[in-house]
């Protein structure tokens, strides 16, 4: 067996194996979304191009070369579709059909004609090579189509880089731009090198270049988690070792991870997403104001709505969470359940008058004289009630009383 032929088939087989492994790994370890499915189909197309390039070396050269050239057209369209989807170039998905119309016409015309590229295929030192016998109109159109498609791919990636606000997506756009340029350079270097010493082309040059592209793309998308940061295990260690209500909300207010003690309250499985409603006790939604503002942390009293019938008053600590790319991914909520006034009254055996005085002290911080004016009693009477309250709480000053009352929600 010719050594050059053996090396060619061996290299193509290795690239085929790596391409299959990388494509399957990215598909299995990333979210199942339309963009991911297009990427997987694109990997299949690239894999078939490499496979049929191997078949061209050992079988009917003309037959397999025709299939490879046809697949290359559709692979380029899949590349275009993939980058348009991942960059959200347009919202109407029905327009996707227009991406494939040029590819369909080019492929049909190529397979109808006997030899539209004006090439001959023969073996040179054991490997299949092609040689141009003339410059047909279809050949110019075929080459122009590929060049314009690559230019359009680069424009889409540049558009994506300047459009997105996420640092992770900007990094992916840069790496994909470098990837596309590198692969095109590999293809042109292979053909330039062969043409410099002899007047033929290597038909598997595209297969080698595309295999490099497929591997690099899979690595990039896996390392950057395919546009989706994995938040589910981000706080697992903390969540499972605390007694307070702790949960992580994404930017759409869906619970991504929660502590074990609120699992029964949410009444959903670990794999399900539950929409969490945070209601402000004063009627204005401070949580929405926190999301719209620039504060990194925020402490306020909020009602947590676990269900229609279960609304628990809490003292909430809110903190913005950013991923390793400094993109906002959600809010960490640490909530301590607030005991209401009825619980306070029963625990310390307080009268209604005591509760009225405590409410004015906690919510309005009024003096004894001001409280007396509000309740239409004398300041000395208020002082007498305060002594009784201090005794029941086991404190000596108003400050100590306020520290205890801070754990309770008094209306």
Protein backbone atom coordinates (compact mmCIF):
# COMPACT_ATOMS: atom_id res chain seq x y z
CA UNK A 1 0.00 0.00 0.00
CA UNK A 2 1.28 3.46 -0.91
CA UNK A 3 2.58 5.28 2.20
CA UNK A 4 1.00 8.63 1.20
CA UNK A 5 -2.36 6.94 0.71
CA UNK A 6 -2.09 5.24 4.10
CA UNK A 7 -1.20 8.52 5.87
CA UNK A 8 -4.10 10.32 4.18
CA UNK A 9 -6.68 7.73 5.22
CA UNK A 10 -5.16 7.44 8.71
CA UNK A 11 -5.30 11.23 9.35
CA UNK A 12 -8.86 11.49 8.03
CA UNK A 13 -9.94 8.57 10.23
CA UNK A 14 -8.45 10.15 13.34
CA UNK A 15 -10.18 13.48 12.60
CA UNK A 16 -13.44 11.62 12.00
CA UNK A 17 -13.21 9.90 15.39
CA UNK A 18 -12.36 13.12 17.24
CA UNK A 19 -15.20 14.95 15.48
CA UNK A 20 -17.75 12.30 16.50
CA UNK A 21 -16.56 12.28 20.13
CA UNK A 22 -16.55 16.10 20.47
CA UNK A 23 -19.94 16.52 18.80
CA UNK A 24 -21.60 13.85 20.97
CA UNK A 25 -20.04 15.20 24.16
CA UNK A 26 -21.25 18.77 23.58
CA UNK A 27 -24.73 17.54 22.67
CA UNK A 28 -25.05 15.35 25.79
CA UNK A 29 -23.63 17.90 28.25
CA UNK A 30 -25.50 21.03 27.16
CA UNK A 31 -29.13 22.20 27.32
CA UNK A 32 -31.42 20.68 24.70
CA UNK A 33 -32.37 23.81 22.77
CA UNK A 34 -32.90 24.49 19.02
CA UNK A 35 -29.43 26.06 18.73
CA UNK A 36 -27.81 23.02 20.31
CA UNK A 37 -29.71 20.73 17.93
CA UNK A 38 -28.52 22.75 14.91
CA UNK A 39 -24.97 22.47 16.23
CA UNK A 40 -25.40 18.69 16.53
CA UNK A 41 -26.78 18.41 12.96
CA UNK A 42 -23.88 20.56 11.78
CA UNK A 43 -21.47 18.15 13.46
CA UNK A 44 -23.17 15.24 11.70
CA UNK A 45 -22.78 17.00 8.33
CA UNK A 46 -19.09 17.65 8.98
CA UNK A 47 -18.67 14.04 10.07
CA UNK A 48 -20.27 12.82 6.83
CA UNK A 49 -17.99 15.09 4.78
CA UNK A 50 -14.94 13.50 6.44
CA UNK A 51 -16.40 9.98 6.08
CA UNK A 52 -17.16 10.40 2.38
CA UNK A 53 -13.68 11.90 1.84
CA UNK A 54 -12.30 8.62 3.20
CA UNK A 55 -14.65 6.66 0.91
CA UNK A 56 -13.36 8.72 -2.00
CA UNK A 57 -9.87 7.39 -1.33
CA UNK A 58 -10.93 3.75 -1.40
CA UNK A 59 -14.00 3.67 -3.64
CA UNK A 60 -15.61 5.34 -6.66
CA UNK A 61 -13.85 8.74 -6.72
CA UNK A 62 -16.38 10.53 -8.96
CA UNK A 63 -19.45 9.34 -7.02
CA UNK A 64 -18.10 10.20 -3.57
CA UNK A 65 -16.64 13.52 -4.74
CA UNK A 66 -20.09 14.57 -5.97
CA UNK A 67 -21.61 13.70 -2.57
CA UNK A 68 -18.84 15.55 -0.69
CA UNK A 69 -19.33 18.73 -2.73
CA UNK A 70 -23.09 18.55 -2.18
CA UNK A 71 -22.64 18.09 1.56
CA UNK A 72 -20.20 21.02 1.70
CA UNK A 73 -22.91 23.34 0.41
CA UNK A 74 -25.39 22.26 3.09
CA UNK A 75 -22.70 22.28 5.79
CA UNK A 76 -22.00 25.91 5.00
CA UNK A 77 -25.71 26.67 5.31
CA UNK A 78 -25.84 24.87 8.67
CA UNK A 79 -22.92 27.02 9.79
CA UNK A 80 -24.85 30.10 8.74
CA UNK A 81 -28.03 28.93 10.47
CA UNK A 82 -26.11 28.07 13.64
CA UNK A 83 -24.49 31.50 13.98
CA UNK A 84 -27.72 33.31 13.11
CA UNK A 85 -29.55 31.38 15.86
CA UNK A 86 -26.83 31.78 18.46
CA UNK A 87 -26.51 35.52 17.79
CA UNK A 88 -30.30 36.13 17.58
CA UNK A 89 -29.87 38.03 14.34
CA UNK A 90 -33.63 38.06 13.86
CA UNK A 91 -36.59 36.87 15.93
CA UNK A 92 -38.86 35.35 13.28
CA UNK A 93 -37.77 31.72 12.96
CA UNK A 94 -39.91 31.25 9.85
CA UNK A 95 -37.22 33.15 7.93
CA UNK A 96 -34.81 30.24 8.48
CA UNK A 97 -36.06 28.58 5.29
CA UNK A 98 -34.53 31.36 3.20
CA UNK A 99 -31.07 30.35 4.44
CA UNK A 100 -31.33 26.99 2.71
CA UNK A 101 -32.94 28.07 -0.59
CA UNK A 102 -29.59 29.05 -2.25
CA UNK A 103 -27.99 25.81 -1.06
CA UNK A 104 -30.84 23.72 -2.47
CA UNK A 105 -30.59 25.35 -5.92
CA UNK A 106 -26.79 25.05 -6.04
CA UNK A 107 -26.88 21.39 -4.96
CA UNK A 108 -29.63 20.51 -7.47
CA UNK A 109 -27.86 22.22 -10.35
CA UNK A 110 -24.58 20.54 -9.40
CA UNK A 111 -26.13 17.06 -9.40
CA UNK A 112 -28.15 17.60 -12.60
CA UNK A 113 -25.13 18.65 -14.68
CA UNK A 114 -22.58 16.08 -15.75
CA UNK A 115 -19.44 18.02 -14.79
CA UNK A 116 -20.36 21.61 -13.83
CA UNK A 117 -17.01 22.30 -12.08
CA UNK A 118 -15.01 21.23 -15.16
CA UNK A 119 -12.67 18.93 -13.24
CA UNK A 120 -11.11 15.54 -13.75
CA UNK A 121 -10.40 13.12 -10.87
CA UNK A 122 -7.47 10.71 -10.84
CA UNK A 123 -4.98 9.18 -8.44
CA UNK A 124 -1.64 10.83 -7.77
CA UNK A 125 0.79 8.73 -5.68
CA UNK A 126 -2.14 6.70 -4.40
CA UNK A 127 -4.43 9.53 -3.27
CA UNK A 128 -7.44 11.02 -5.07
CA UNK A 129 -6.81 14.47 -6.55
CA UNK A 130 -8.75 16.82 -8.83
CA UNK A 131 -7.59 19.08 -11.64
CA UNK A 132 -9.40 21.89 -13.41
CA UNK A 133 -9.85 21.43 -17.16
CA UNK A 134 -11.43 24.87 -17.63
CA UNK A 135 -13.11 27.76 -15.89
CA UNK A 136 -16.85 27.23 -16.22
CA UNK A 137 -19.47 29.79 -15.19
CA UNK A 138 -20.76 27.45 -12.51
CA UNK A 139 -17.24 27.10 -11.06
CA UNK A 140 -16.99 30.88 -10.61
CA UNK A 141 -20.46 30.93 -9.06
CA UNK A 142 -19.59 27.98 -6.79
CA UNK A 143 -16.40 29.62 -5.51
CA UNK A 144 -18.09 33.01 -5.11
CA UNK A 145 -20.85 31.38 -3.11
CA UNK A 146 -18.35 29.92 -0.65
CA UNK A 147 -16.36 33.15 -0.33
CA UNK A 148 -19.46 35.29 0.22
CA UNK A 149 -20.80 32.80 2.76
CA UNK A 150 -17.57 32.93 4.78
CA UNK A 151 -17.61 36.75 4.67
CA UNK A 152 -21.22 36.73 5.86
CA UNK A 153 -20.30 34.38 8.71
CA UNK A 154 -17.60 36.78 9.85
CA UNK A 155 -20.02 39.72 9.65
CA UNK A 156 -22.57 37.83 11.77
CA UNK A 157 -19.93 37.09 14.42
CA UNK A 158 -18.84 40.75 14.50
CA UNK A 159 -22.49 41.79 14.79
CA UNK A 160 -23.00 39.34 17.65
CA UNK A 161 -19.92 40.66 19.46
CA UNK A 162 -21.18 44.26 19.41
CA UNK A 163 -24.83 43.36 20.01
CA UNK A 164 -24.57 41.15 23.09
CA UNK A 165 -24.11 42.62 26.57
CA UNK A 166 -22.88 39.37 28.13
CA UNK A 167 -19.14 39.00 28.52
CA UNK A 168 -19.37 35.23 28.05
CA UNK A 169 -21.05 35.61 24.66
CA UNK A 170 -18.53 38.28 23.64
CA UNK A 171 -15.74 35.83 24.40
CA UNK A 172 -17.46 33.06 22.43
CA UNK A 173 -17.93 35.46 19.48
CA UNK A 174 -14.22 36.34 19.50
CA UNK A 175 -13.13 32.69 19.70
CA UNK A 176 -15.56 31.67 16.96
CA UNK A 177 -14.30 34.51 14.77
CA UNK A 178 -10.71 33.31 15.25
CA UNK A 179 -11.89 29.75 14.61
CA UNK A 180 -13.55 30.58 11.28
CA UNK A 181 -10.58 32.66 10.10
CA UNK A 182 -8.15 29.91 11.17
CA UNK A 183 -10.08 27.18 9.36
CA UNK A 184 -10.27 29.26 6.17
CA UNK A 185 -6.53 29.85 6.45
CA UNK A 186 -5.91 26.09 6.83
CA UNK A 187 -7.99 25.37 3.72
CA UNK A 188 -6.26 27.98 1.58
CA UNK A 189 -2.78 27.01 2.81
CA UNK A 190 -3.40 23.35 1.88
CA UNK A 191 -4.58 24.26 -1.61
CA UNK A 192 -1.89 26.92 -2.10
CA UNK A 193 0.84 24.47 -1.10
CA UNK A 194 -0.37 21.76 -3.48
CA UNK A 195 -0.91 24.20 -6.36
CA UNK A 196 2.56 25.64 -5.92
CA UNK A 197 4.25 22.36 -6.80
CA UNK A 198 1.62 20.75 -9.03
CA UNK A 199 -1.61 21.78 -10.76
CA UNK A 200 -4.10 19.70 -8.76
CA UNK A 201 -6.32 20.13 -5.70
CA UNK A 202 -6.82 17.89 -2.69
CA UNK A 203 -10.58 17.28 -2.50
CA UNK A 204 -10.32 16.32 1.19
CA UNK A 205 -8.77 19.70 2.12
CA UNK A 206 -12.24 20.96 3.13
CA UNK A 207 -12.78 17.83 5.22
CA UNK A 208 -9.56 18.44 7.15
CA UNK A 209 -10.36 22.12 7.64
CA UNK A 210 -13.94 21.41 8.74
CA UNK A 211 -12.79 18.73 11.16
CA UNK A 212 -10.48 21.26 12.81
CA UNK A 213 -13.37 23.72 12.94
CA UNK A 214 -15.72 21.13 14.49
CA UNK A 215 -13.26 20.18 17.21
CA UNK A 216 -12.40 23.79 18.10
CA UNK A 217 -16.07 24.81 18.13
CA UNK A 218 -16.99 21.94 20.43
CA UNK A 219 -14.18 22.88 22.82
CA UNK A 220 -15.19 26.55 22.86
CA UNK A 221 -18.89 25.84 23.42
CA UNK A 222 -18.19 23.28 26.14
CA UNK A 223 -15.71 25.47 28.02
CA UNK A 224 -18.15 28.40 27.94
CA UNK A 225 -21.17 26.19 28.67
CA UNK A 226 -22.96 26.94 25.39
CA UNK A 227 -24.41 30.33 26.44
CA UNK A 228 -25.91 28.90 29.65
CA UNK A 229 -24.14 29.21 32.98
CA UNK A 230 -24.86 26.27 35.32
CA UNK A 231 -26.37 27.88 38.43
CA UNK A 232 -28.05 24.79 39.88
CA UNK A 233 -25.06 23.56 41.89
CA UNK A 234 -23.65 27.00 42.63
CA UNK A 235 -24.92 27.21 46.22
CA UNK A 236 -25.63 23.55 46.98
CA UNK A 237 -23.16 23.23 49.85
CA UNK A 238 -24.48 26.35 51.56
CA UNK A 239 -28.15 25.58 50.99
CA UNK A 240 -28.06 22.12 52.55
CA UNK A 241 -26.54 23.30 55.83
CA UNK A 242 -28.71 26.21 56.95
CA UNK A 243 -32.10 26.58 58.61
CA UNK A 244 -33.13 29.92 57.06
CA UNK A 245 -35.01 30.19 53.77
CA UNK A 246 -32.31 30.39 51.13
CA UNK A 247 -32.95 30.23 47.42
CA UNK A 248 -31.41 31.46 44.20
CA UNK A 249 -33.63 33.24 41.68
CA UNK A 250 -32.59 33.68 38.09
CA UNK A 251 -33.22 36.94 36.23
CA UNK A 252 -36.82 35.81 35.50
CA UNK A 253 -37.64 35.13 39.19
CA UNK A 254 -37.58 31.35 38.79
CA UNK A 255 -36.10 29.26 41.60
CA UNK A 256 -32.95 27.53 40.35
CA UNK A 257 -31.74 26.21 43.71
CA UNK A 258 -33.32 26.28 47.16
CA UNK A 259 -32.50 25.03 50.65
CA UNK A 260 -33.95 21.74 51.81
CA UNK A 261 -36.24 23.32 54.42
CA UNK A 262 -38.44 25.02 51.79
CA UNK A 263 -38.68 22.01 49.47
CA UNK A 264 -42.05 21.02 50.97
CA UNK A 265 -43.35 24.58 50.75
CA UNK A 266 -42.61 24.85 47.01
CA UNK A 267 -44.17 21.43 46.34
CA UNK A 268 -42.09 20.88 43.20
CA UNK A 269 -39.45 18.35 42.27
CA UNK A 270 -35.77 19.23 42.28
CA UNK A 271 -35.77 19.31 38.48
CA UNK A 272 -38.76 21.66 38.19
CA UNK A 273 -38.59 25.45 38.10
CA UNK A 274 -40.92 27.35 40.41
CA UNK A 275 -41.83 31.00 39.92
CA UNK A 276 -41.22 32.88 43.17
CA UNK A 277 -43.25 35.98 44.02
CA UNK A 278 -41.73 38.42 46.52
CA UNK A 279 -44.29 40.92 47.81
CA UNK A 280 -43.42 44.04 49.79
CA UNK A 281 -45.35 44.38 53.04
CA UNK A 282 -45.84 48.10 52.50
CA UNK A 283 -47.52 47.74 49.12
CA UNK A 284 -44.64 48.94 46.93
CA UNK A 285 -42.50 46.22 45.42
CA UNK A 286 -39.01 46.91 46.72
CA UNK A 287 -37.72 43.72 45.08
CA UNK A 288 -38.47 45.10 41.62
CA UNK A 289 -36.76 48.36 42.62
CA UNK A 290 -33.73 46.35 43.74
CA UNK A 291 -33.55 44.55 40.37
CA UNK A 292 -33.87 47.82 38.46
CA UNK A 293 -31.25 49.59 40.58
CA UNK A 294 -27.48 49.25 40.93
CA UNK A 295 -27.27 48.12 44.57
CA UNK A 296 -25.20 44.98 45.09
CA UNK A 297 -26.96 44.03 48.35
CA UNK A 298 -30.26 45.02 49.92
CA UNK A 299 -32.01 44.26 53.21
CA UNK A 300 -35.77 44.66 53.55
CA UNK A 301 -38.96 43.06 54.85
CA UNK A 302 -40.75 41.03 52.20
CA UNK A 303 -43.62 38.57 52.06
CA UNK A 304 -42.62 35.34 50.32
CA UNK A 305 -45.51 33.88 48.37
CA UNK A 306 -44.99 30.11 48.27
CA UNK A 307 -48.55 29.48 47.07
CA UNK A 308 -51.91 31.21 46.90
CA UNK A 309 -52.69 30.32 50.50
CA UNK A 310 -49.20 30.49 51.97
CA UNK A 311 -47.58 33.92 52.29
CA UNK A 312 -44.84 34.10 54.92
CA UNK A 313 -43.52 37.47 56.20
CA UNK A 314 -39.71 37.52 56.30
CA UNK A 315 -36.73 39.75 56.77
CA UNK A 316 -34.86 39.30 53.47
CA UNK A 317 -31.24 39.78 52.55
CA UNK A 318 -30.90 40.19 48.78
CA UNK A 319 -27.62 39.96 46.91
CA UNK A 320 -26.87 40.16 43.19
CA UNK A 321 -24.93 37.18 41.84
CA UNK A 322 -22.57 37.35 38.87
CA UNK A 323 -20.86 34.50 37.06
CA UNK A 324 -17.19 34.18 36.20
CA UNK A 325 -17.73 36.44 33.18
CA UNK A 326 -19.21 39.21 35.37
CA UNK A 327 -22.67 38.73 33.84
CA UNK A 328 -25.74 39.04 36.08
CA UNK A 329 -27.25 35.57 36.60
CA UNK A 330 -29.73 36.13 39.42
CA UNK A 331 -30.35 37.02 43.04
CA UNK A 332 -29.41 35.15 46.20
CA UNK A 333 -32.17 35.49 48.80
CA UNK A 334 -31.57 34.72 52.47
CA UNK A 335 -34.85 35.10 54.38
CA UNK A 336 -35.55 34.85 58.11
CA UNK A 337 -39.17 34.23 58.97
CA UNK A 338 -40.77 37.21 60.72
CA UNK A 339 -43.06 36.37 63.62
CA UNK A 340 -46.22 38.47 63.56
CA UNK A 341 -47.79 40.56 66.31
CA UNK A 342 -50.16 37.80 67.43
CA UNK A 343 -47.24 35.47 68.12
CA UNK A 344 -45.46 38.27 70.00
CA UNK A 345 -48.56 39.03 72.10
CA UNK A 346 -49.10 35.38 73.03
CA UNK A 347 -45.45 34.71 73.83
CA UNK A 348 -44.99 37.66 76.21
CA UNK A 349 -48.62 37.85 77.42
CA UNK A 350 -49.09 41.44 76.30
CA UNK A 351 -52.32 43.43 76.46
CA UNK A 352 -53.82 45.36 73.56
CA UNK A 353 -52.53 48.60 75.09
CA UNK A 354 -49.04 47.11 75.30
CA UNK A 355 -49.22 46.18 71.61
CA UNK A 356 -50.29 49.71 70.65
CA UNK A 357 -47.35 51.22 72.53
CA UNK A 358 -44.89 48.68 71.04
CA UNK A 359 -46.16 49.46 67.52
CA UNK A 360 -45.49 53.19 68.00
CA UNK A 361 -42.04 52.47 69.44
CA UNK A 362 -40.94 50.11 66.65
CA UNK A 363 -42.52 51.73 63.60
CA UNK A 364 -42.44 55.45 64.47
CA UNK A 365 -39.89 55.66 67.33
CA UNK A 366 -42.10 58.08 69.29
CA UNK A 367 -41.36 59.38 72.78
CA UNK A 368 -43.61 58.58 75.74
CA UNK A 369 -45.27 61.99 75.51
CA UNK A 370 -45.94 61.61 71.77
CA UNK A 371 -47.33 58.11 72.29
CA UNK A 372 -49.65 59.46 75.01
CA UNK A 373 -50.96 62.13 72.66
CA UNK A 374 -51.66 59.49 70.02
CA UNK A 375 -53.48 57.22 72.50
CA UNK A 376 -55.15 60.08 74.39
CA UNK A 377 -53.47 59.15 77.67
CA UNK A 378 -50.83 60.88 79.78
CA UNK A 379 -47.11 60.41 79.32
CA UNK A 380 -46.79 59.04 82.86
CA UNK A 381 -49.30 56.31 82.02
CA UNK A 382 -47.21 55.40 78.98
CA UNK A 383 -44.11 55.22 81.19
CA UNK A 384 -45.94 52.88 83.57
CA UNK A 385 -46.92 50.60 80.67
CA UNK A 386 -43.31 50.68 79.41
CA UNK A 387 -41.98 49.44 82.76
CA UNK A 388 -44.39 46.51 82.58
CA UNK A 389 -43.30 45.81 79.00
CA UNK A 390 -39.59 45.96 79.98
CA UNK A 391 -40.23 43.48 82.79
CA UNK A 392 -42.02 40.99 80.50
CA UNK A 393 -39.24 41.22 77.88
CA UNK A 394 -36.47 41.09 80.49
CA UNK A 395 -34.83 44.33 79.32
CA UNK A 396 -33.99 47.66 80.95
CA UNK A 397 -33.78 50.13 78.03
CA UNK A 398 -35.73 50.96 74.91
CA UNK A 399 -32.75 50.01 72.73
CA UNK A 400 -32.72 46.47 74.16
CA UNK A 401 -36.46 46.27 73.54
CA UNK A 402 -36.03 47.37 69.91
CA UNK A 403 -33.39 44.68 69.36
CA UNK A 404 -35.89 41.99 70.38
CA UNK A 405 -38.75 43.58 68.43
CA UNK A 406 -36.59 43.56 65.25
CA UNK A 407 -37.27 39.81 64.99
CA UNK A 408 -41.02 40.38 64.80
CA UNK A 409 -43.27 41.90 62.17
CA UNK A 410 -45.64 44.28 63.95
CA UNK A 411 -48.39 46.05 62.05
